Amino acid sequence: MFPKWSTSKGCEKSMLAKAVQINLYYSRDPGVSYGVCDDYTKFDTPIWRNSMGRSTEELTQAKIKALKWEGKDFKKADGKGLFILVKESGKFWRMKYIFNKKEKLLSFGPYPEVTLAEAREKRDEAKKLIRNGIDPSEHKKIAVKAKIEAYKNTFELVAREWWNEEHVKKVVPNHANKNLRRLEQNIFPYIGNKPIAEVGSNDILNCLKRVADIGHIETAHRIKGICSSVFCYAIATERTKFDVTAALKGRLPFPKVKHHAAIVKPEEFSGLMKMIHIYKGTKVTTAALKFSPLVFVRPWELRHALWEQIDFEARTWEFIPCKLKDSAPKELHIVPLSNQAIDILKDLYPITSKSIYIFPSIRTTHRPMSSNTINAALESLGIPNEQMTAHGFRASARTMLEEVLNYEPKYIEKQLAHTVRDHNGTAYNRTAFIDIRRKMMQHWADYLDELRNK
């Protein structure tokens, strides 16, 4: 059956047979017919026709605004299959096309939300898909489905999944919770709802700059590292292809190196030990202050020390270090306890054993000691934090164990819960050098007594 033809002026209907004989080409675009006449050079002159086969002119903004619904739905053609459907509820763009010999309909959205120019652009894009053998309706369904799937993988959802599946299993709870709060306060409010595959370097950089601009430069660098871990997890779980934080190298200001104040000279540390032993605070604070230089753990680890971690018979304290990196296994750290350390714990046991914490808060036994307690105790002794801090006991021990007591750095570093590797690059396990470390810890405690008694 022949298609319907709109004949250009001067053509005769009898020319239809002649057109078929010469294998006249007509457009695949629905709504387009080419004239049939003796002058075959005019075959490429299109005359747009509407759904009723009548020729029509292209729409304009004025014509569209003038269209009114009067009790019956109707449509007005623009050309190349594009038309606007006028209904009681509004005006809607549609496109009629043929694919695989079937007539189909494609929706482009309502007018004026979708302008005339935008509708024509969408029509041209659909025509291009058809020429490439792609059904625009199916292509639209796939795109919508992909968008829905993308929003199932927003940055926040992936980040929370990473936190639950990986991060919380590799670091201590306090550190994990702190990192989650950093994301909740500085990242999620700005890009949390964005599909992680669509998050770019500038998205992350803008978030980090907000933090750095208020002076929290070190925190900004930490958040960048957290975001990098989230992207690496997303790559492994096939939610994105790139870690966009890699492009941010050098884009943030570098934080000033800040060392924890510490007394490292024996003669000065001697005075410190004398002052610690005349401190007149609460029994819990006094015990914590005396215990700190003996074990030189991180302040958080001291405050969160649990009675169940103490083995009085083996004379050890075992816990998971709070500064383990995400990539590091959760391995218990062993602190051999000197006679002096054991005595402090035994004296404190009747006072705080009803709490899970060795050094509980003065307000409630359900929480550990405040993070500022030791520093406040030092300040009350006339030792400003610019001179010595709770964390400074680590530097004091590190320096004097090597320079005064002549222990090898690898033993000291292992006792500080730092990663120590052998000549093959393999990290030593938790029990490495334990006999030497046990001797070293007792030697250190005895040396502190010597300093105090000078």
Protein backbone atom coordinates (compact mmCIF):
# COMPACT_ATOMS: atom_id res chain seq x y z
CA MET A 1 0.00 0.00 0.00
CA PHE A 2 1.38 3.40 -0.99
CA PRO A 3 1.90 6.10 1.63
CA LYS A 4 -0.23 9.21 1.53
CA TRP A 5 1.32 12.02 -0.44
CA SER A 6 0.93 15.77 -0.29
CA THR A 7 1.36 16.95 -3.83
CA SER A 8 3.20 20.18 -4.49
CA LYS A 9 1.68 22.81 -6.72
CA GLY A 10 1.48 21.86 -10.41
CA CYS A 11 1.79 18.13 -9.88
CA GLU A 12 -0.71 15.63 -11.19
CA LYS A 13 -1.98 12.60 -9.27
CA SER A 14 -1.15 10.45 -12.29
CA MET A 15 2.52 11.07 -11.58
CA LEU A 16 2.33 8.70 -8.56
CA ALA A 17 2.88 5.63 -10.73
CA LYS A 18 5.82 7.29 -12.42
CA ALA A 19 7.31 8.12 -9.02
CA VAL A 20 7.11 4.48 -7.96
CA GLN A 21 8.75 3.38 -11.19
CA ILE A 22 11.78 5.51 -10.54
CA ASN A 23 11.96 4.20 -6.97
CA LEU A 24 11.13 7.54 -5.35
CA TYR A 25 12.74 7.89 -1.91
CA TYR A 26 10.56 9.26 0.84
CA SER A 27 11.60 10.20 4.33
CA ARG A 28 11.51 7.75 7.23
CA ASP A 29 10.46 10.66 9.39
CA PRO A 30 6.75 10.37 10.07
CA GLY A 31 4.86 13.47 9.12
CA VAL A 32 7.15 14.27 6.16
CA SER A 33 6.05 13.82 2.55
CA TYR A 34 7.85 14.81 -0.59
CA GLY A 35 6.17 16.27 -3.62
CA VAL A 36 5.65 14.29 -6.78
CA CYS A 37 5.93 16.20 -10.06
CA ASP A 38 7.69 16.22 -13.40
CA ASP A 39 10.57 18.20 -11.94
CA TYR A 40 12.28 15.49 -9.90
CA THR A 41 14.80 17.97 -8.48
CA LYS A 42 11.97 19.22 -6.26
CA PHE A 43 11.53 15.84 -4.55
CA ASP A 44 13.66 17.03 -1.59
CA THR A 45 11.34 19.92 -0.75
CA PRO A 46 9.43 18.84 2.41
CA ILE A 47 5.86 19.80 3.15
CA TRP A 48 4.94 19.09 6.80
CA ARG A 49 1.58 17.50 7.33
CA ASN A 50 -0.44 16.98 10.48
CA SER A 51 -2.00 13.73 11.66
CA MET A 52 -4.93 14.29 9.29
CA GLY A 53 -2.62 14.48 6.29
CA ARG A 54 -3.07 18.22 5.82
CA SER A 55 -0.07 20.49 5.46
CA THR A 56 0.69 22.70 8.45
CA GLU A 57 3.01 25.45 9.59
CA GLU A 58 5.52 25.25 12.43
CA LEU A 59 4.41 26.36 15.87
CA THR A 60 5.51 29.59 17.53
CA GLN A 61 5.41 30.67 21.16
CA ALA A 62 2.51 32.97 20.41
CA LYS A 63 0.52 30.23 18.72
CA ILE A 64 1.14 27.83 21.61
CA LYS A 65 0.00 30.40 24.20
CA ALA A 66 -3.12 31.02 22.16
CA LEU A 67 -4.15 27.36 22.24
CA LYS A 68 -7.06 26.86 24.63
CA TRP A 69 -8.83 23.73 25.75
CA GLU A 70 -12.52 24.00 24.96
CA GLY A 71 -14.05 20.85 26.32
CA LYS A 72 -12.13 18.44 24.08
CA ASP A 73 -8.52 17.33 23.86
CA PHE A 74 -6.74 18.21 20.62
CA LYS A 75 -3.25 18.38 19.21
CA LYS A 76 -1.35 20.87 17.11
CA ALA A 77 1.55 19.72 14.95
CA ASP A 78 4.95 21.43 14.78
CA GLY A 79 6.65 19.14 12.26
CA LYS A 80 8.78 16.00 11.99
CA GLY A 81 6.37 14.14 14.23
CA LEU A 82 6.43 16.71 17.05
CA PHE A 83 3.10 18.05 18.28
CA ILE A 84 1.60 19.62 21.37
CA LEU A 85 -1.35 17.94 23.05
CA VAL A 86 -3.83 20.34 24.64
CA LYS A 87 -5.77 18.89 27.55
CA GLU A 88 -7.82 20.28 30.39
CA SER A 89 -4.88 19.70 32.72
CA GLY A 90 -2.40 21.54 30.48
CA LYS A 91 -0.26 21.36 27.33
CA PHE A 92 2.10 18.45 26.72
CA TRP A 93 4.76 17.74 24.14
CA ARG A 94 4.51 14.49 22.21
CA MET A 95 6.31 12.98 19.26
CA LYS A 96 4.92 10.37 16.90
CA TYR A 97 7.44 8.13 15.16
CA ILE A 98 7.77 4.76 13.45
CA PHE A 99 10.22 2.15 14.67
CA ASN A 100 10.40 -1.40 13.31
CA LYS A 101 7.29 -0.65 11.22
CA LYS A 102 5.31 0.22 14.37
CA GLU A 103 3.91 3.62 15.19
CA LYS A 104 4.98 4.83 18.64
CA LEU A 105 4.56 7.86 20.87
CA LEU A 106 7.19 9.65 22.93
CA SER A 107 6.54 12.19 25.69
CA PHE A 108 8.80 15.22 26.23
CA GLY A 109 7.02 16.81 29.20
CA PRO A 110 4.64 19.71 29.79
CA TYR A 111 4.68 23.19 28.33
CA PRO A 112 5.96 25.75 29.39
CA GLU A 113 8.30 23.75 31.63
CA VAL A 114 9.67 22.33 28.38
CA THR A 115 9.96 25.18 25.91
CA LEU A 116 9.35 24.97 22.18
CA ALA A 117 13.11 25.08 21.51
CA GLU A 118 13.75 22.34 24.06
CA ALA A 119 11.01 20.17 22.62
CA ARG A 120 12.49 20.50 19.13
CA GLU A 121 15.91 19.65 20.53
CA LYS A 122 14.50 16.53 22.18
CA ARG A 123 12.80 15.60 18.91
CA ASP A 124 16.05 15.95 16.98
CA GLU A 125 17.86 13.82 19.57
CA ALA A 126 15.15 11.16 19.21
CA LYS A 127 15.50 11.26 15.41
CA LYS A 128 19.23 10.72 15.77
CA LEU A 129 18.61 7.66 17.94
CA ILE A 130 16.20 6.28 15.33
CA ARG A 131 18.78 6.75 12.58
CA ASN A 132 21.21 4.75 14.71
CA GLY A 133 18.71 1.95 15.14
CA ILE A 134 17.75 2.83 18.71
CA ASP A 135 14.16 3.08 19.89
CA PRO A 136 13.94 6.42 21.77
CA SER A 137 11.17 5.12 24.05
CA GLU A 138 13.31 2.20 25.21
CA HIS A 139 16.33 4.46 25.47
CA LYS A 140 14.33 6.78 27.76
CA LYS A 141 13.22 3.86 29.95
CA ILE A 142 16.83 2.68 30.32
CA ALA A 143 17.99 6.21 31.17
CA VAL A 144 15.27 6.60 33.81
CA LYS A 145 16.13 3.23 35.32
CA ALA A 146 19.84 4.14 35.40
CA LYS A 147 19.00 7.41 37.14
CA ILE A 148 16.93 5.59 39.74
CA GLU A 149 19.77 3.13 40.33
CA ALA A 150 22.23 6.00 40.58
CA TYR A 151 20.16 7.60 43.35
CA LYS A 152 20.25 4.31 45.21
CA ASN A 153 24.00 4.87 45.34
CA THR A 154 24.27 8.40 46.65
CA PHE A 155 27.47 9.48 48.33
CA GLU A 156 25.85 9.35 51.76
CA LEU A 157 24.39 5.87 51.29
CA VAL A 158 27.69 4.47 50.02
CA ALA A 159 29.64 6.26 52.78
CA ARG A 160 27.39 4.84 55.50
CA GLU A 161 27.68 1.39 53.94
CA TRP A 162 31.49 1.73 53.94
CA TRP A 163 31.39 2.83 57.56
CA ASN A 164 29.28 -0.17 58.59
CA GLU A 165 30.94 -2.80 56.43
CA GLU A 166 34.58 -1.77 56.72
CA HIS A 167 35.56 1.25 58.78
CA VAL A 168 33.90 0.36 62.07
CA LYS A 169 35.52 -3.07 61.94
CA LYS A 170 39.03 -1.71 61.49
CA VAL A 171 39.27 1.11 64.03
CA VAL A 172 38.19 1.65 67.60
CA PRO A 173 34.58 2.88 68.07
CA ASN A 174 35.53 6.39 69.18
CA HIS A 175 37.65 6.96 66.08
CA ALA A 176 35.00 5.48 63.79
CA ASN A 177 32.25 7.62 65.32
CA LYS A 178 34.37 10.76 65.04
CA ASN A 179 34.94 10.14 61.33
CA LEU A 180 31.23 9.56 60.75
CA ARG A 181 30.43 12.87 62.48
CA ARG A 182 32.96 14.60 60.23
CA LEU A 183 31.08 13.34 57.19
CA GLU A 184 27.68 14.20 58.68
CA GLN A 185 28.74 17.75 59.48
CA ASN A 186 30.92 18.63 56.50
CA ILE A 187 30.06 16.42 53.52
CA PHE A 188 26.54 14.94 53.64
CA PRO A 189 24.68 18.28 53.84
CA TYR A 190 26.27 19.39 50.54
CA ILE A 191 26.73 16.30 48.36
CA GLY A 192 25.14 13.50 50.37
CA ASN A 193 22.16 13.16 48.01
CA LYS A 194 24.28 13.18 44.85
CA PRO A 195 25.01 9.84 43.12
CA ILE A 196 28.59 8.96 43.99
CA ALA A 197 29.40 8.35 40.32
CA GLU A 198 28.47 11.99 39.63
CA VAL A 199 30.50 13.51 42.48
CA GLY A 200 33.46 15.41 41.06
CA SER A 201 36.72 16.70 42.46
CA ASN A 202 35.31 20.21 42.80
CA ASP A 203 32.36 18.93 44.83
CA ILE A 204 34.75 17.47 47.39
CA LEU A 205 37.11 20.45 47.23
CA ASN A 206 34.32 22.93 47.94
CA CYS A 207 33.35 20.96 51.05
CA LEU A 208 36.95 20.79 52.23
CA LYS A 209 37.51 24.51 51.66
CA ARG A 210 34.60 25.31 53.97
CA VAL A 211 36.44 23.44 56.71
CA ALA A 212 39.89 24.84 55.90
CA ASP A 213 38.61 28.42 55.64
CA ILE A 214 37.61 28.45 59.30
CA GLY A 215 41.11 27.38 60.28
CA HIS A 216 40.56 23.61 60.58
CA ILE A 217 43.16 22.71 57.97
CA GLU A 218 44.23 19.44 59.55
CA THR A 219 40.60 18.34 59.82
CA ALA A 220 40.09 19.14 56.14
CA HIS A 221 42.97 16.83 55.25
CA ARG A 222 41.50 14.10 57.47
CA ILE A 223 38.10 14.43 55.78
CA LYS A 224 39.77 14.20 52.38
CA GLY A 225 41.31 10.89 53.49
CA ILE A 226 37.93 9.63 54.69
CA CYS A 227 36.32 10.55 51.36
CA SER A 228 39.11 8.75 49.54
CA SER A 229 38.34 5.59 51.52
CA VAL A 230 34.66 5.92 50.58
CA PHE A 231 35.53 6.23 46.89
CA CYS A 232 37.87 3.23 47.06
CA TYR A 233 35.04 1.22 48.59
CA ALA A 234 32.66 2.45 45.86
CA ILE A 235 35.15 1.38 43.18
CA ALA A 236 35.48 -2.09 44.73
CA THR A 237 31.69 -2.45 44.85
CA GLU A 238 31.30 -1.15 41.27
CA ARG A 239 29.41 2.05 42.13
CA THR A 240 31.97 4.38 40.57
CA LYS A 241 35.17 4.19 38.56
CA PHE A 242 37.43 6.85 40.05
CA ASP A 243 38.68 8.21 43.36
CA VAL A 244 38.21 11.89 42.57
CA THR A 245 40.12 12.97 45.68
CA ALA A 246 43.34 11.93 43.92
CA ALA A 247 43.05 15.09 41.81
CA LEU A 248 43.07 17.28 44.92
CA LYS A 249 46.73 16.82 45.73
CA GLY A 250 48.19 20.20 46.63
CA ARG A 251 44.82 21.99 46.46
CA LEU A 252 44.52 22.39 50.24
CA PRO A 253 46.88 24.45 52.40
CA PHE A 254 49.25 22.36 54.47
CA PRO A 255 48.69 22.40 58.23
CA LYS A 256 51.44 23.66 60.46
CA VAL A 257 53.27 20.79 62.06
CA LYS A 258 52.12 20.70 65.65
CA HIS A 259 54.06 18.60 68.12
CA HIS A 260 52.66 17.70 71.50
CA ALA A 261 54.61 19.52 74.16
CA ALA A 262 56.89 17.19 76.11
CA ILE A 263 59.69 17.30 78.63
CA VAL A 264 62.53 15.13 77.31
CA LYS A 265 65.51 16.17 79.44
CA PRO A 266 66.10 13.90 82.46
CA GLU A 267 66.82 16.75 84.87
CA GLU A 268 63.55 18.50 83.94
CA PHE A 269 61.58 15.25 83.94
CA SER A 270 62.91 14.61 87.45
CA GLY A 271 61.13 17.73 88.67
CA LEU A 272 57.95 16.67 86.87
CA MET A 273 57.92 13.25 88.57
CA LYS A 274 58.35 14.88 91.98
CA MET A 275 55.40 17.18 91.34
CA ILE A 276 53.19 14.32 90.08
CA HIS A 277 53.76 12.39 93.31
CA ILE A 278 52.68 15.31 95.49
CA TYR A 279 49.53 15.95 93.46
CA LYS A 280 46.43 16.20 95.70
CA GLY A 281 43.54 15.54 93.33
CA THR A 282 40.87 12.84 93.44
CA LYS A 283 42.10 9.29 93.85
CA VAL A 284 41.14 8.40 90.29
CA THR A 285 42.87 11.44 88.77
CA THR A 286 45.93 10.94 90.96
CA ALA A 287 46.18 7.29 89.89
CA ALA A 288 45.77 8.21 86.21
CA LEU A 289 48.44 10.91 86.46
CA LYS A 290 50.94 8.50 88.06
CA PHE A 291 50.02 5.69 85.64
CA SER A 292 50.49 7.81 82.50
CA PRO A 293 54.32 8.06 82.42
CA LEU A 294 54.68 4.37 83.36
CA VAL A 295 52.77 3.06 80.33
CA PHE A 296 53.07 6.06 77.90
CA VAL A 297 49.98 5.07 75.88
CA ARG A 298 47.84 7.57 74.02
CA PRO A 299 45.56 9.64 76.29
CA TRP A 300 42.39 8.17 74.71
CA GLU A 301 43.68 4.65 75.36
CA LEU A 302 44.40 5.49 78.99
CA ARG A 303 40.99 7.05 79.58
CA HIS A 304 39.17 4.13 77.96
CA ALA A 305 41.17 1.43 79.74
CA LEU A 306 38.89 -1.37 80.95
CA TRP A 307 39.34 -3.64 83.94
CA GLU A 308 38.64 -6.66 81.74
CA GLN A 309 41.74 -5.80 79.68
CA ILE A 310 44.03 -6.21 82.68
CA ASP A 311 45.59 -9.60 83.40
CA PHE A 312 47.08 -9.32 86.88
CA GLU A 313 48.54 -12.81 86.70
CA ALA A 314 50.28 -12.26 83.35
CA ARG A 315 50.97 -8.65 84.36
CA THR A 316 49.74 -7.26 81.02
CA TRP A 317 47.24 -4.80 79.65
CA GLU A 318 45.88 -5.64 76.16
CA PHE A 319 43.76 -3.35 73.99
CA ILE A 320 43.25 -2.27 70.39
CA PRO A 321 45.21 0.91 69.63
CA CYS A 322 42.96 3.83 68.74
CA LYS A 323 45.11 5.09 65.86
CA LEU A 324 45.10 2.01 63.66
CA LYS A 325 44.67 2.91 60.01
CA ASP A 326 41.75 1.45 58.06
CA SER A 327 44.09 -0.88 56.21
CA ALA A 328 45.64 -2.22 59.40
CA PRO A 329 44.29 -5.39 61.04
CA LYS A 330 42.61 -5.03 64.41
CA GLU A 331 45.37 -6.52 66.52
CA LEU A 332 45.62 -6.26 70.29
CA HIS A 333 48.51 -4.26 71.66
CA ILE A 334 50.32 -5.60 74.73
CA VAL A 335 51.57 -3.34 77.48
CA PRO A 336 53.76 -5.25 79.98
CA LEU A 337 52.98 -3.82 83.43
CA SER A 338 55.80 -2.94 85.79
CA ASN A 339 55.60 -3.53 89.53
CA GLN A 340 54.84 0.15 90.02
CA ALA A 341 51.96 0.03 87.49
CA ILE A 342 50.49 -3.08 89.12
CA ASP A 343 50.58 -1.39 92.53
CA ILE A 344 48.63 1.61 91.23
CA LEU A 345 45.96 -0.66 89.71
CA LYS A 346 45.62 -2.76 92.86
CA ASP A 347 45.16 0.36 94.98
CA LEU A 348 42.52 1.67 92.57
CA TYR A 349 40.60 -1.59 92.10
CA PRO A 350 38.46 -1.32 95.29
CA ILE A 351 37.45 2.20 94.25
CA THR A 352 36.48 1.80 90.58
CA SER A 353 36.01 -1.95 90.01
CA LYS A 354 32.21 -1.52 89.89
CA SER A 355 32.72 0.46 86.67
CA ILE A 356 33.93 -1.12 83.46
CA TYR A 357 36.45 1.73 83.27
CA ILE A 358 39.64 1.80 85.30
CA PHE A 359 39.53 5.61 85.26
CA PRO A 360 35.83 6.56 85.16
CA SER A 361 34.38 10.05 85.08
CA ILE A 362 33.90 11.84 88.40
CA ARG A 363 30.24 12.44 87.40
CA THR A 364 29.26 8.92 86.38
CA THR A 365 30.89 5.51 86.37
CA HIS A 366 29.28 4.79 82.99
CA ARG A 367 31.67 7.07 81.13
CA PRO A 368 35.45 7.34 81.05
CA MET A 369 37.46 10.18 82.48
CA SER A 370 37.27 13.51 80.64
CA SER A 371 39.77 14.08 77.85
CA ASN A 372 41.09 17.18 79.62
CA THR A 373 41.58 15.66 83.08
CA ILE A 374 45.32 14.88 82.86
CA ASN A 375 46.19 18.17 81.17
CA ALA A 376 44.17 20.06 83.79
CA ALA A 377 46.00 18.18 86.54
CA LEU A 378 49.36 19.16 85.04
CA GLU A 379 48.29 22.79 84.82
CA SER A 380 47.18 22.72 88.46
CA LEU A 381 50.78 21.74 89.29
CA GLY A 382 52.01 24.84 87.50
CA ILE A 383 53.01 22.96 84.32
CA PRO A 384 51.42 24.71 81.30
CA ASN A 385 50.30 22.63 78.33
CA GLU A 386 52.84 24.53 76.22
CA GLN A 387 55.48 22.71 78.26
CA MET A 388 53.94 19.26 78.86
CA THR A 389 50.76 17.41 77.90
CA ALA A 390 49.23 14.01 78.54
CA HIS A 391 50.34 12.94 75.08
CA GLY A 392 53.82 14.27 75.79
CA PHE A 393 54.62 11.29 78.04
CA ARG A 394 55.04 9.26 74.84
CA ALA A 395 57.72 11.59 73.48
CA SER A 396 59.44 11.69 76.86
CA ALA A 397 59.64 7.90 77.01
CA ARG A 398 60.65 7.61 73.35
CA THR A 399 63.57 10.00 73.83
CA MET A 400 64.93 8.83 77.18
CA LEU A 401 64.53 5.10 76.54
CA GLU A 402 66.81 5.45 73.54
CA GLU A 403 69.20 8.21 74.61
CA VAL A 404 69.53 7.41 78.32
CA LEU A 405 68.62 3.73 78.76
CA ASN A 406 70.04 2.72 75.33
CA TYR A 407 67.16 0.61 74.01
CA GLU A 408 66.92 0.01 70.27
CA PRO A 409 64.28 2.14 68.50
CA LYS A 410 62.43 -0.91 67.17
CA TYR A 411 61.63 -2.07 70.70
CA ILE A 412 60.47 1.38 71.71
CA GLU A 413 58.39 1.89 68.56
CA LYS A 414 56.70 -1.46 69.06
CA GLN A 415 55.83 -0.52 72.62
CA LEU A 416 54.42 2.79 71.36
CA ALA A 417 52.04 0.71 69.19
CA HIS A 418 53.72 1.96 66.02
CA THR A 419 54.09 -0.37 63.06
CA VAL A 420 57.56 -1.91 63.03
CA ARG A 421 58.69 -3.92 60.01
CA ASP A 422 61.47 -6.45 59.51
CA HIS A 423 64.05 -6.32 56.71
CA ASN A 424 61.48 -7.87 54.35
CA GLY A 425 58.95 -5.13 55.06
CA THR A 426 56.69 -7.43 57.07
CA ALA A 427 55.11 -5.94 60.20
CA TYR A 428 56.03 -7.62 63.46
CA ASN A 429 53.14 -9.26 65.31
CA ARG A 430 51.74 -8.26 68.70
CA THR A 431 54.08 -10.47 70.73
CA ALA A 432 57.26 -9.35 68.97
CA PHE A 433 60.12 -8.57 71.38
CA ILE A 434 57.77 -9.18 74.32
CA ASP A 435 60.51 -10.39 76.69
CA ILE A 436 62.72 -7.41 75.90
CA ARG A 437 59.76 -5.07 76.15
CA ARG A 438 58.80 -6.51 79.55
CA LYS A 439 62.34 -5.89 80.80
CA MET A 440 62.34 -2.43 79.22
CA MET A 441 59.08 -1.39 80.90
CA GLN A 442 60.35 -2.41 84.33
CA HIS A 443 63.66 -0.67 83.68
CA TRP A 444 61.77 2.47 82.68
CA ALA A 445 59.60 2.42 85.83
CA ASP A 446 62.68 2.01 88.03
CA TYR A 447 64.41 4.86 86.20
CA LEU A 448 61.40 7.13 86.86
CA ASP A 449 61.68 6.30 90.56
CA GLU A 450 65.35 7.26 90.43
CA LEU A 451 64.48 10.60 88.84
CA ARG A 452 61.79 11.24 91.43
CA ASN A 453 64.12 10.44 94.34
CA LYS A 454 67.02 12.57 93.13
